[in-house]
N, C-alpha and C. Protein backbone atom coordinates (compact mmCIF):
# COMPACT_ATOMS: atom_id res chain seq x y z
N UNK A 1 54.58 113.61 75.94
CA UNK A 1 55.22 114.27 74.83
C UNK A 1 54.13 114.93 73.99
N UNK A 2 54.38 116.14 73.53
CA UNK A 2 53.39 116.88 72.76
C UNK A 2 53.24 116.28 71.37
N UNK A 3 52.06 116.52 70.78
CA UNK A 3 51.75 115.99 69.46
C UNK A 3 52.75 116.46 68.42
N UNK A 4 53.20 117.72 68.52
CA UNK A 4 54.15 118.21 67.52
C UNK A 4 55.45 117.41 67.56
N UNK A 5 55.87 117.00 68.77
CA UNK A 5 57.09 116.18 68.87
C UNK A 5 56.87 114.81 68.23
N UNK A 6 55.69 114.25 68.41
CA UNK A 6 55.39 112.97 67.77
C UNK A 6 55.32 113.13 66.26
N UNK A 7 54.79 114.27 65.79
CA UNK A 7 54.78 114.51 64.35
C UNK A 7 56.20 114.59 63.80
N UNK A 8 57.07 115.29 64.51
CA UNK A 8 58.47 115.38 64.07
C UNK A 8 59.15 114.01 64.09
N UNK A 9 58.87 113.23 65.13
CA UNK A 9 59.40 111.87 65.19
C UNK A 9 58.85 111.02 64.05
N UNK A 10 57.55 111.17 63.77
CA UNK A 10 56.93 110.42 62.67
C UNK A 10 57.51 110.80 61.32
N UNK A 11 57.69 112.10 61.09
CA UNK A 11 58.28 112.56 59.83
C UNK A 11 59.69 111.99 59.69
N UNK A 12 60.47 112.06 60.76
CA UNK A 12 61.85 111.56 60.73
C UNK A 12 61.91 110.05 60.50
N UNK A 13 61.12 109.30 61.26
CA UNK A 13 61.15 107.84 61.14
C UNK A 13 60.65 107.39 59.77
N UNK A 14 59.57 108.00 59.28
CA UNK A 14 59.04 107.62 57.97
C UNK A 14 60.02 107.99 56.86
N UNK A 15 60.67 109.14 57.00
CA UNK A 15 61.66 109.54 55.99
C UNK A 15 62.85 108.61 55.98
N UNK A 16 63.35 108.26 57.18
CA UNK A 16 64.46 107.30 57.25
C UNK A 16 64.06 105.95 56.70
N UNK A 17 62.86 105.52 57.02
CA UNK A 17 62.37 104.24 56.48
C UNK A 17 62.26 104.26 54.97
N UNK A 18 61.76 105.37 54.43
CA UNK A 18 61.64 105.49 52.97
C UNK A 18 63.02 105.50 52.31
N UNK A 19 63.96 106.22 52.90
CA UNK A 19 65.33 106.23 52.37
C UNK A 19 65.91 104.83 52.43
N UNK A 20 65.70 104.15 53.54
CA UNK A 20 66.18 102.76 53.68
C UNK A 20 65.60 101.88 52.57
N UNK A 21 64.30 102.02 52.33
CA UNK A 21 63.65 101.18 51.32
C UNK A 21 64.08 101.51 49.90
N UNK A 22 64.45 102.74 49.66
CA UNK A 22 64.87 103.15 48.32
C UNK A 22 66.35 102.86 48.06
N UNK A 23 67.20 103.07 49.06
CA UNK A 23 68.64 102.92 48.88
C UNK A 23 69.11 101.48 49.04
N UNK A 24 68.51 100.74 49.96
CA UNK A 24 68.98 99.39 50.24
C UNK A 24 69.00 98.48 49.01
N UNK A 25 67.95 98.49 48.17
CA UNK A 25 68.04 97.64 46.97
C UNK A 25 69.21 97.99 46.06
N UNK A 26 69.59 99.25 46.04
CA UNK A 26 70.74 99.65 45.24
C UNK A 26 72.04 99.09 45.83
N UNK A 27 72.09 99.02 47.16
CA UNK A 27 73.28 98.46 47.80
C UNK A 27 73.42 96.96 47.55
N UNK A 28 72.30 96.29 47.31
CA UNK A 28 72.36 94.85 47.03
C UNK A 28 73.04 94.55 45.70
N UNK A 29 73.04 95.54 44.82
CA UNK A 29 73.70 95.37 43.52
C UNK A 29 75.22 95.29 43.69
N UNK A 30 75.72 96.05 44.66
CA UNK A 30 77.16 96.07 44.90
C UNK A 30 77.59 94.79 45.62
N UNK A 31 78.79 94.30 45.32
CA UNK A 31 79.26 93.07 45.98
C UNK A 31 79.75 93.33 47.41
N UNK A 32 78.82 93.62 48.32
CA UNK A 32 79.17 93.94 49.71
C UNK A 32 78.84 92.80 50.68
N UNK A 33 78.31 91.72 50.19
CA UNK A 33 77.91 90.57 51.01
C UNK A 33 76.88 90.95 52.08
N UNK A 34 75.91 91.76 51.70
CA UNK A 34 74.82 92.09 52.61
C UNK A 34 73.53 91.54 52.03
N UNK A 35 72.57 91.30 52.90
CA UNK A 35 71.29 90.80 52.44
C UNK A 35 70.17 91.57 53.14
N UNK A 36 68.98 91.46 52.60
CA UNK A 36 67.83 92.15 53.16
C UNK A 36 67.41 91.50 54.47
N UNK A 37 67.08 92.32 55.44
CA UNK A 37 66.60 91.83 56.72
C UNK A 37 65.25 92.47 56.99
N UNK A 38 64.20 91.68 56.91
CA UNK A 38 62.84 92.20 57.07
C UNK A 38 62.58 92.70 58.49
N UNK A 39 63.40 92.31 59.43
CA UNK A 39 63.21 92.76 60.80
C UNK A 39 63.54 94.24 60.98
N UNK A 40 64.37 94.79 60.11
CA UNK A 40 64.61 96.23 60.12
C UNK A 40 63.33 96.95 59.72
N UNK A 41 62.66 96.44 58.69
CA UNK A 41 61.38 97.01 58.29
C UNK A 41 60.35 96.88 59.42
N UNK A 42 60.38 95.77 60.12
CA UNK A 42 59.47 95.56 61.25
C UNK A 42 59.74 96.59 62.36
N UNK A 43 60.99 96.91 62.59
CA UNK A 43 61.34 97.91 63.61
C UNK A 43 60.77 99.28 63.22
N UNK A 44 60.91 99.65 61.94
CA UNK A 44 60.33 100.91 61.47
C UNK A 44 58.81 100.87 61.62
N UNK A 45 58.20 99.74 61.34
CA UNK A 45 56.74 99.60 61.48
C UNK A 45 56.30 99.80 62.92
N UNK A 46 57.01 99.22 63.86
CA UNK A 46 56.64 99.34 65.27
C UNK A 46 56.75 100.79 65.74
N UNK A 47 57.86 101.45 65.40
CA UNK A 47 58.01 102.86 65.76
C UNK A 47 56.90 103.68 65.14
N UNK A 48 56.64 103.44 63.85
CA UNK A 48 55.59 104.18 63.15
C UNK A 48 54.22 103.96 63.76
N UNK A 49 53.91 102.73 64.14
CA UNK A 49 52.60 102.42 64.72
C UNK A 49 52.40 103.12 66.06
N UNK A 50 53.44 103.15 66.88
CA UNK A 50 53.35 103.84 68.17
C UNK A 50 53.11 105.33 67.96
N UNK A 51 53.85 105.91 67.03
CA UNK A 51 53.70 107.34 66.75
C UNK A 51 52.32 107.64 66.17
N UNK A 52 51.85 106.82 65.24
CA UNK A 52 50.52 107.02 64.66
C UNK A 52 49.45 106.91 65.74
N UNK A 53 49.58 105.95 66.63
CA UNK A 53 48.62 105.80 67.72
C UNK A 53 48.54 107.08 68.56
N UNK A 54 49.68 107.64 68.89
CA UNK A 54 49.72 108.85 69.72
C UNK A 54 49.18 110.06 68.96
N UNK A 55 49.60 110.24 67.72
CA UNK A 55 49.17 111.41 66.94
C UNK A 55 47.70 111.32 66.58
N UNK A 56 47.24 110.16 66.16
CA UNK A 56 45.84 110.00 65.75
C UNK A 56 44.88 110.26 66.91
N UNK A 57 45.32 109.98 68.11
CA UNK A 57 44.49 110.22 69.28
C UNK A 57 44.39 111.69 69.65
N UNK A 58 45.30 112.50 69.12
CA UNK A 58 45.34 113.90 69.50
C UNK A 58 44.93 114.86 68.39
N UNK A 59 44.90 114.39 67.15
CA UNK A 59 44.58 115.30 66.05
C UNK A 59 43.07 115.52 65.96
N UNK A 60 42.71 116.71 65.52
CA UNK A 60 41.30 117.02 65.33
C UNK A 60 40.86 116.80 63.90
N UNK A 61 41.79 116.48 63.03
CA UNK A 61 41.48 116.27 61.61
C UNK A 61 41.19 114.79 61.37
N UNK A 62 39.92 114.49 61.16
CA UNK A 62 39.51 113.08 61.00
C UNK A 62 40.18 112.44 59.78
N UNK A 63 40.28 113.17 58.68
CA UNK A 63 40.86 112.59 57.47
C UNK A 63 42.35 112.34 57.63
N UNK A 64 43.03 113.11 58.48
CA UNK A 64 44.45 112.86 58.75
C UNK A 64 44.59 111.55 59.53
N UNK A 65 43.67 111.30 60.46
CA UNK A 65 43.67 110.01 61.17
C UNK A 65 43.57 108.86 60.18
N UNK A 66 42.63 108.99 59.23
CA UNK A 66 42.46 107.93 58.22
C UNK A 66 43.72 107.78 57.36
N UNK A 67 44.32 108.91 57.00
CA UNK A 67 45.55 108.86 56.20
C UNK A 67 46.66 108.15 56.97
N UNK A 68 46.85 108.51 58.23
CA UNK A 68 47.91 107.89 59.03
C UNK A 68 47.67 106.41 59.26
N UNK A 69 46.44 106.05 59.66
CA UNK A 69 46.14 104.63 59.90
C UNK A 69 46.17 103.82 58.60
N UNK A 70 45.68 104.41 57.52
CA UNK A 70 45.73 103.71 56.23
C UNK A 70 47.17 103.49 55.78
N UNK A 71 48.01 104.49 55.99
CA UNK A 71 49.41 104.38 55.58
C UNK A 71 50.16 103.34 56.41
N UNK A 72 49.93 103.34 57.71
CA UNK A 72 50.62 102.35 58.56
C UNK A 72 50.11 100.94 58.24
N UNK A 73 48.84 100.83 57.84
CA UNK A 73 48.29 99.54 57.44
C UNK A 73 48.97 99.04 56.17
N UNK A 74 49.19 99.92 55.20
CA UNK A 74 49.90 99.53 53.98
C UNK A 74 51.31 99.03 54.29
N UNK A 75 51.98 99.74 55.18
CA UNK A 75 53.33 99.32 55.57
C UNK A 75 53.28 97.97 56.28
N UNK A 76 52.30 97.79 57.16
CA UNK A 76 52.17 96.52 57.89
C UNK A 76 51.92 95.35 56.94
N UNK A 77 51.05 95.55 55.96
CA UNK A 77 50.78 94.49 54.98
C UNK A 77 52.05 94.15 54.21
N UNK A 78 52.78 95.18 53.80
CA UNK A 78 54.02 94.95 53.05
C UNK A 78 55.06 94.20 53.89
N UNK A 79 55.22 94.61 55.14
CA UNK A 79 56.20 93.96 56.01
C UNK A 79 55.79 92.52 56.30
N UNK A 80 54.50 92.28 56.55
CA UNK A 80 54.04 90.92 56.81
C UNK A 80 54.22 90.01 55.59
N UNK A 81 53.93 90.54 54.40
CA UNK A 81 54.15 89.76 53.18
C UNK A 81 55.63 89.42 53.02
N UNK A 82 56.49 90.35 53.38
CA UNK A 82 57.92 90.10 53.29
C UNK A 82 58.36 89.06 54.33
N UNK A 83 57.89 89.20 55.56
CA UNK A 83 58.28 88.25 56.60
C UNK A 83 57.76 86.83 56.34
N UNK A 84 56.51 86.75 55.89
CA UNK A 84 55.89 85.43 55.72
C UNK A 84 56.21 84.76 54.39
N UNK A 85 56.24 85.56 53.31
CA UNK A 85 56.36 84.97 51.97
C UNK A 85 57.56 85.48 51.17
N UNK A 86 58.40 86.31 51.79
CA UNK A 86 59.55 86.91 51.10
C UNK A 86 59.11 87.61 49.82
N UNK A 87 57.98 88.27 49.92
CA UNK A 87 57.38 88.96 48.77
C UNK A 87 57.49 90.46 49.02
N UNK A 88 58.14 91.17 48.11
CA UNK A 88 58.31 92.61 48.25
C UNK A 88 57.26 93.33 47.41
N UNK A 89 56.56 94.29 48.04
CA UNK A 89 55.53 95.04 47.33
C UNK A 89 55.81 96.53 47.46
N UNK A 90 55.30 97.31 46.52
CA UNK A 90 55.48 98.77 46.59
C UNK A 90 54.58 99.43 47.63
N UNK A 91 53.77 98.66 48.35
CA UNK A 91 52.90 99.23 49.37
C UNK A 91 53.69 99.99 50.43
N UNK A 92 54.90 99.54 50.71
CA UNK A 92 55.70 100.17 51.75
C UNK A 92 56.08 101.60 51.35
N UNK A 93 56.32 101.83 50.05
CA UNK A 93 56.66 103.18 49.58
C UNK A 93 55.45 104.10 49.66
N UNK A 94 54.30 103.59 49.27
CA UNK A 94 53.07 104.38 49.32
C UNK A 94 52.72 104.71 50.78
N UNK A 95 52.87 103.72 51.66
CA UNK A 95 52.60 103.94 53.07
C UNK A 95 53.54 104.96 53.69
N UNK A 96 54.81 104.87 53.37
CA UNK A 96 55.78 105.82 53.92
C UNK A 96 55.48 107.24 53.44
N UNK A 97 55.15 107.38 52.16
CA UNK A 97 54.80 108.71 51.63
C UNK A 97 53.54 109.24 52.32
N UNK A 98 52.58 108.38 52.58
CA UNK A 98 51.37 108.78 53.28
C UNK A 98 51.64 109.21 54.71
N UNK A 99 52.52 108.48 55.39
CA UNK A 99 52.88 108.85 56.77
C UNK A 99 53.57 110.21 56.81
N UNK A 100 54.52 110.40 55.92
CA UNK A 100 55.23 111.68 55.88
C UNK A 100 54.25 112.81 55.62
N UNK A 101 53.37 112.63 54.64
CA UNK A 101 52.38 113.66 54.30
C UNK A 101 51.44 113.93 55.48
N UNK A 102 50.92 112.88 56.08
CA UNK A 102 50.00 113.03 57.20
C UNK A 102 50.62 113.76 58.38
N UNK A 103 51.86 113.42 58.70
CA UNK A 103 52.52 114.08 59.82
C UNK A 103 52.82 115.55 59.52
N UNK A 104 53.22 115.84 58.29
CA UNK A 104 53.48 117.23 57.91
C UNK A 104 52.19 118.04 57.98
N UNK A 105 51.11 117.50 57.44
CA UNK A 105 49.81 118.20 57.48
C UNK A 105 49.38 118.42 58.93
N UNK A 106 49.48 117.39 59.75
CA UNK A 106 49.09 117.51 61.15
C UNK A 106 49.96 118.52 61.89
N UNK A 107 51.26 118.51 61.62
CA UNK A 107 52.17 119.45 62.26
C UNK A 107 51.80 120.88 61.90
N UNK A 108 51.52 121.12 60.63
CA UNK A 108 51.16 122.48 60.19
C UNK A 108 49.79 122.91 60.71
N UNK A 109 48.92 121.98 60.97
CA UNK A 109 47.57 122.30 61.46
C UNK A 109 47.59 122.78 62.90
N UNK A 110 48.52 122.28 63.72
CA UNK A 110 48.59 122.65 65.13
C UNK A 110 49.14 124.04 65.30
N UNK A 111 48.71 124.68 66.35
CA UNK A 111 49.24 125.99 66.72
C UNK A 111 50.40 125.74 67.67
N UNK A 112 51.59 126.02 67.20
CA UNK A 112 52.80 125.76 68.00
C UNK A 112 53.32 127.08 68.55
N UNK A 113 52.76 127.51 69.64
CA UNK A 113 53.14 128.80 70.17
C UNK A 113 54.00 128.76 71.37
């Protein structure tokens, strides 16, 4: 799969994950009998890590590699803290924003002809 396709997948997955993280707490306010499941966050993390691995190996922009790996690391720390200690941190939002930004920058940097 071409790097641009992985960038599009990364943008989509990170955006969906960010929407999930922003909207889900609002849904907990409503009496819908739903609860937070950290394994959904883990699924987003796994997809994101695979995409970052593929994109970082193909990009020529060293700082974008650092941005992508740093962002996925922030998400991983947040998810692990949630799984192990039921502790929610804003690191997941910062990481998702970093992933989205990194993929957009990388996508625009490539020549898609």
